């Protein structure tokens, strides 16, 4: 929850500081960094930012669900 709040507040500011103007890049950055609260903020920034933010959350979730257990198994941390 803390990450989402901080990302929603500071995400657009940080993107402006680094002069990120591409709407897709802003949406993906805010979505992966600050989850659902960030996505609501990205939707306020624009339609493209909101869509990319939602897509980024979904892809990051799928990668986490499928890749992490595979890596744990490969490195013999789970049986």
N, C-alpha and C. Protein backbone atom coordinates (compact mmCIF):
# COMPACT_ATOMS: atom_id res chain seq x y z
N UNK A 1 0.82 -1.18 0.00
CA UNK A 1 0.00 0.00 0.00
C UNK A 1 0.88 1.26 0.00
N UNK A 2 1.94 1.22 0.79
CA UNK A 2 2.87 2.35 0.86
C UNK A 2 3.49 2.63 -0.50
N UNK A 3 3.89 1.57 -1.19
CA UNK A 3 4.51 1.73 -2.51
C UNK A 3 3.53 2.36 -3.49
N UNK A 4 2.28 1.93 -3.45
CA UNK A 4 1.28 2.49 -4.35
C UNK A 4 1.02 3.96 -4.10
N UNK A 5 0.93 4.34 -2.84
CA UNK A 5 0.66 5.75 -2.51
C UNK A 5 1.84 6.63 -2.93
N UNK A 6 3.05 6.21 -2.57
CA UNK A 6 4.22 7.00 -2.93
C UNK A 6 4.38 7.07 -4.45
N UNK A 7 4.15 5.95 -5.14
CA UNK A 7 4.26 5.93 -6.60
C UNK A 7 3.23 6.81 -7.27
N UNK A 8 2.01 6.80 -6.74
CA UNK A 8 0.96 7.64 -7.31
C UNK A 8 1.26 9.12 -7.12
N UNK A 9 1.88 9.44 -6.00
CA UNK A 9 2.19 10.85 -5.73
C UNK A 9 3.43 11.29 -6.51
N UNK A 10 4.49 10.48 -6.45
CA UNK A 10 5.77 10.90 -7.03
C UNK A 10 6.01 10.42 -8.46
N UNK A 11 5.27 9.43 -8.92
CA UNK A 11 5.50 8.87 -10.26
C UNK A 11 5.49 9.88 -11.37
N UNK A 12 4.43 10.66 -11.51
CA UNK A 12 4.41 11.66 -12.58
C UNK A 12 5.53 12.71 -12.43
N UNK A 13 5.82 13.08 -11.19
CA UNK A 13 6.89 14.05 -10.94
C UNK A 13 8.25 13.51 -11.38
N UNK A 14 8.52 12.25 -11.04
CA UNK A 14 9.79 11.64 -11.42
C UNK A 14 9.90 11.51 -12.93
N UNK A 15 8.81 11.15 -13.59
CA UNK A 15 8.83 11.06 -15.06
C UNK A 15 9.11 12.42 -15.69
N UNK A 16 8.56 13.47 -15.10
CA UNK A 16 8.86 14.83 -15.61
C UNK A 16 10.31 15.20 -15.35
N UNK A 17 10.84 14.83 -14.18
CA UNK A 17 12.24 15.16 -13.85
C UNK A 17 13.21 14.50 -14.83
N UNK A 18 12.91 13.28 -15.23
CA UNK A 18 13.76 12.57 -16.18
C UNK A 18 13.36 12.83 -17.63
N UNK A 19 12.43 13.76 -17.82
CA UNK A 19 11.96 14.19 -19.14
C UNK A 19 11.45 13.03 -19.99
N UNK A 20 10.69 12.14 -19.35
CA UNK A 20 10.06 11.04 -20.08
C UNK A 20 8.74 11.57 -20.63
N UNK A 21 8.65 11.69 -21.93
CA UNK A 21 7.46 12.27 -22.55
C UNK A 21 6.58 11.23 -23.25
N UNK A 22 7.13 10.06 -23.52
CA UNK A 22 6.38 9.01 -24.20
C UNK A 22 5.29 8.47 -23.27
N UNK A 23 4.06 8.51 -23.73
CA UNK A 23 2.92 8.10 -22.91
C UNK A 23 2.98 6.62 -22.53
N UNK A 24 3.46 5.79 -23.44
CA UNK A 24 3.57 4.36 -23.15
C UNK A 24 4.61 4.13 -22.05
N UNK A 25 5.74 4.79 -22.14
CA UNK A 25 6.80 4.64 -21.14
C UNK A 25 6.34 5.11 -19.76
N UNK A 26 5.63 6.22 -19.72
CA UNK A 26 5.12 6.73 -18.44
C UNK A 26 4.13 5.74 -17.83
N UNK A 27 3.23 5.21 -18.64
CA UNK A 27 2.25 4.25 -18.14
C UNK A 27 2.88 2.97 -17.62
N UNK A 28 3.83 2.43 -18.37
CA UNK A 28 4.51 1.20 -17.94
C UNK A 28 5.31 1.45 -16.66
N UNK A 29 6.00 2.57 -16.59
CA UNK A 29 6.80 2.88 -15.40
C UNK A 29 5.92 3.01 -14.16
N UNK A 30 4.86 3.77 -14.27
CA UNK A 30 3.98 3.96 -13.11
C UNK A 30 3.26 2.67 -12.75
N UNK A 31 2.83 1.91 -13.74
CA UNK A 31 2.11 0.66 -13.47
C UNK A 31 2.95 -0.39 -12.79
N UNK A 32 4.17 -0.59 -13.24
CA UNK A 32 5.00 -1.62 -12.63
C UNK A 32 5.54 -1.18 -11.27
N UNK A 33 5.73 0.10 -11.08
CA UNK A 33 6.31 0.57 -9.83
C UNK A 33 5.28 0.77 -8.72
N UNK A 34 4.08 1.18 -9.06
CA UNK A 34 3.15 1.56 -8.00
C UNK A 34 1.79 0.87 -8.07
N UNK A 35 1.67 -0.20 -8.82
CA UNK A 35 0.52 -1.10 -8.78
C UNK A 35 -0.82 -0.40 -9.04
N UNK A 36 -1.87 -0.79 -8.34
CA UNK A 36 -3.23 -0.32 -8.66
C UNK A 36 -3.42 1.17 -8.37
N UNK A 37 -2.86 1.65 -7.29
CA UNK A 37 -3.00 3.09 -7.01
C UNK A 37 -2.30 3.92 -8.06
N UNK A 38 -1.17 3.44 -8.52
CA UNK A 38 -0.47 4.13 -9.60
C UNK A 38 -1.25 4.10 -10.89
N UNK A 39 -1.94 2.99 -11.14
CA UNK A 39 -2.76 2.88 -12.35
C UNK A 39 -3.90 3.89 -12.32
N UNK A 40 -4.51 4.08 -11.16
CA UNK A 40 -5.57 5.09 -11.08
C UNK A 40 -5.02 6.49 -11.38
N UNK A 41 -3.81 6.75 -10.93
CA UNK A 41 -3.18 8.04 -11.23
C UNK A 41 -2.82 8.14 -12.71
N UNK A 42 -2.37 7.02 -13.28
CA UNK A 42 -2.02 7.01 -14.71
C UNK A 42 -3.26 7.25 -15.57
N UNK A 43 -4.39 6.72 -15.15
CA UNK A 43 -5.65 6.96 -15.88
C UNK A 43 -5.99 8.45 -15.86
N UNK A 44 -5.71 9.11 -14.74
CA UNK A 44 -5.94 10.56 -14.68
C UNK A 44 -5.02 11.33 -15.63
N UNK A 45 -3.82 10.79 -15.87
CA UNK A 45 -2.89 11.45 -16.78
C UNK A 45 -3.34 11.33 -18.23
N UNK A 46 -3.97 10.21 -18.57
CA UNK A 46 -4.42 10.02 -19.94
C UNK A 46 -4.83 8.59 -20.20
N UNK A 47 -5.54 8.41 -21.31
CA UNK A 47 -6.05 7.09 -21.67
C UNK A 47 -4.92 6.11 -21.98
N UNK A 48 -3.94 6.54 -22.72
CA UNK A 48 -2.82 5.67 -23.09
C UNK A 48 -2.01 5.27 -21.87
N UNK A 49 -1.72 6.24 -21.00
CA UNK A 49 -0.96 5.95 -19.79
C UNK A 49 -1.69 4.94 -18.91
N UNK A 50 -3.00 5.10 -18.76
CA UNK A 50 -3.79 4.18 -17.95
C UNK A 50 -3.82 2.78 -18.52
N UNK A 51 -3.99 2.67 -19.83
CA UNK A 51 -4.02 1.35 -20.48
C UNK A 51 -2.68 0.64 -20.33
N UNK A 52 -1.60 1.35 -20.56
CA UNK A 52 -0.27 0.73 -20.45
C UNK A 52 0.06 0.37 -19.01
N UNK A 53 -0.42 1.17 -18.08
CA UNK A 53 -0.21 0.88 -16.67
C UNK A 53 -0.92 -0.41 -16.26
N UNK A 54 -2.16 -0.56 -16.69
CA UNK A 54 -2.91 -1.78 -16.40
C UNK A 54 -2.28 -3.00 -17.04
N UNK A 55 -1.82 -2.86 -18.26
CA UNK A 55 -1.14 -3.96 -18.95
C UNK A 55 0.16 -4.34 -18.23
N UNK A 56 0.89 -3.34 -17.77
CA UNK A 56 2.15 -3.59 -17.07
C UNK A 56 1.92 -4.35 -15.77
N UNK A 57 0.86 -4.01 -15.04
CA UNK A 57 0.55 -4.75 -13.81
C UNK A 57 0.28 -6.21 -14.13
N UNK A 58 -0.52 -6.46 -15.15
CA UNK A 58 -0.86 -7.83 -15.52
C UNK A 58 0.35 -8.65 -15.94
N UNK A 59 1.20 -8.08 -16.77
CA UNK A 59 2.39 -8.79 -17.23
C UNK A 59 3.36 -9.03 -16.08
N UNK A 60 3.55 -8.03 -15.22
CA UNK A 60 4.44 -8.21 -14.07
C UNK A 60 3.91 -9.30 -13.14
N UNK A 61 2.60 -9.35 -12.97
CA UNK A 61 2.00 -10.40 -12.14
C UNK A 61 2.21 -11.78 -12.73
N UNK A 62 2.01 -11.91 -14.03
CA UNK A 62 2.21 -13.21 -14.67
C UNK A 62 3.67 -13.66 -14.60
N UNK A 63 4.58 -12.74 -14.82
CA UNK A 63 6.00 -13.08 -14.72
C UNK A 63 6.32 -13.55 -13.30
N UNK A 64 5.79 -12.84 -12.31
CA UNK A 64 6.05 -13.22 -10.92
C UNK A 64 5.49 -14.60 -10.61
N UNK A 65 4.26 -14.87 -11.04
CA UNK A 65 3.61 -16.14 -10.72
C UNK A 65 4.31 -17.33 -11.39
N UNK A 66 4.76 -17.16 -12.61
CA UNK A 66 5.34 -18.29 -13.34
C UNK A 66 6.86 -18.37 -13.26
N UNK A 67 7.54 -17.25 -13.25
CA UNK A 67 8.99 -17.27 -13.31
C UNK A 67 9.65 -17.51 -11.95
N UNK A 68 9.13 -16.93 -10.90
CA UNK A 68 9.75 -17.09 -9.58
C UNK A 68 9.75 -18.54 -9.12
N UNK A 69 8.62 -19.27 -9.17
CA UNK A 69 8.69 -20.68 -8.76
C UNK A 69 9.65 -21.51 -9.63
N UNK A 70 9.72 -21.19 -10.92
CA UNK A 70 10.64 -21.89 -11.80
C UNK A 70 12.09 -21.64 -11.39
N UNK A 71 12.42 -20.40 -11.10
CA UNK A 71 13.77 -20.07 -10.66
C UNK A 71 14.10 -20.71 -9.31
N UNK A 72 13.13 -20.72 -8.41
CA UNK A 72 13.36 -21.37 -7.12
C UNK A 72 13.62 -22.86 -7.30
N UNK A 73 12.90 -23.49 -8.21
CA UNK A 73 13.09 -24.91 -8.47
C UNK A 73 14.45 -25.16 -9.12
N UNK A 74 14.82 -24.33 -10.06
CA UNK A 74 16.10 -24.49 -10.76
C UNK A 74 17.27 -24.36 -9.79
N UNK A 75 17.18 -23.41 -8.88
CA UNK A 75 18.26 -23.21 -7.92
C UNK A 75 18.10 -24.05 -6.66
N UNK A 76 17.18 -25.03 -6.70
CA UNK A 76 16.99 -26.03 -5.64
C UNK A 76 16.62 -25.41 -4.29
N UNK A 77 15.88 -24.32 -4.32
CA UNK A 77 15.42 -23.73 -3.07
C UNK A 77 14.10 -24.33 -2.63
N UNK A 78 13.38 -24.96 -3.58
CA UNK A 78 12.19 -25.72 -3.24
C UNK A 78 12.28 -27.08 -3.90
N UNK A 79 11.54 -28.04 -3.39
CA UNK A 79 11.61 -29.41 -3.93
C UNK A 79 10.66 -29.60 -5.10
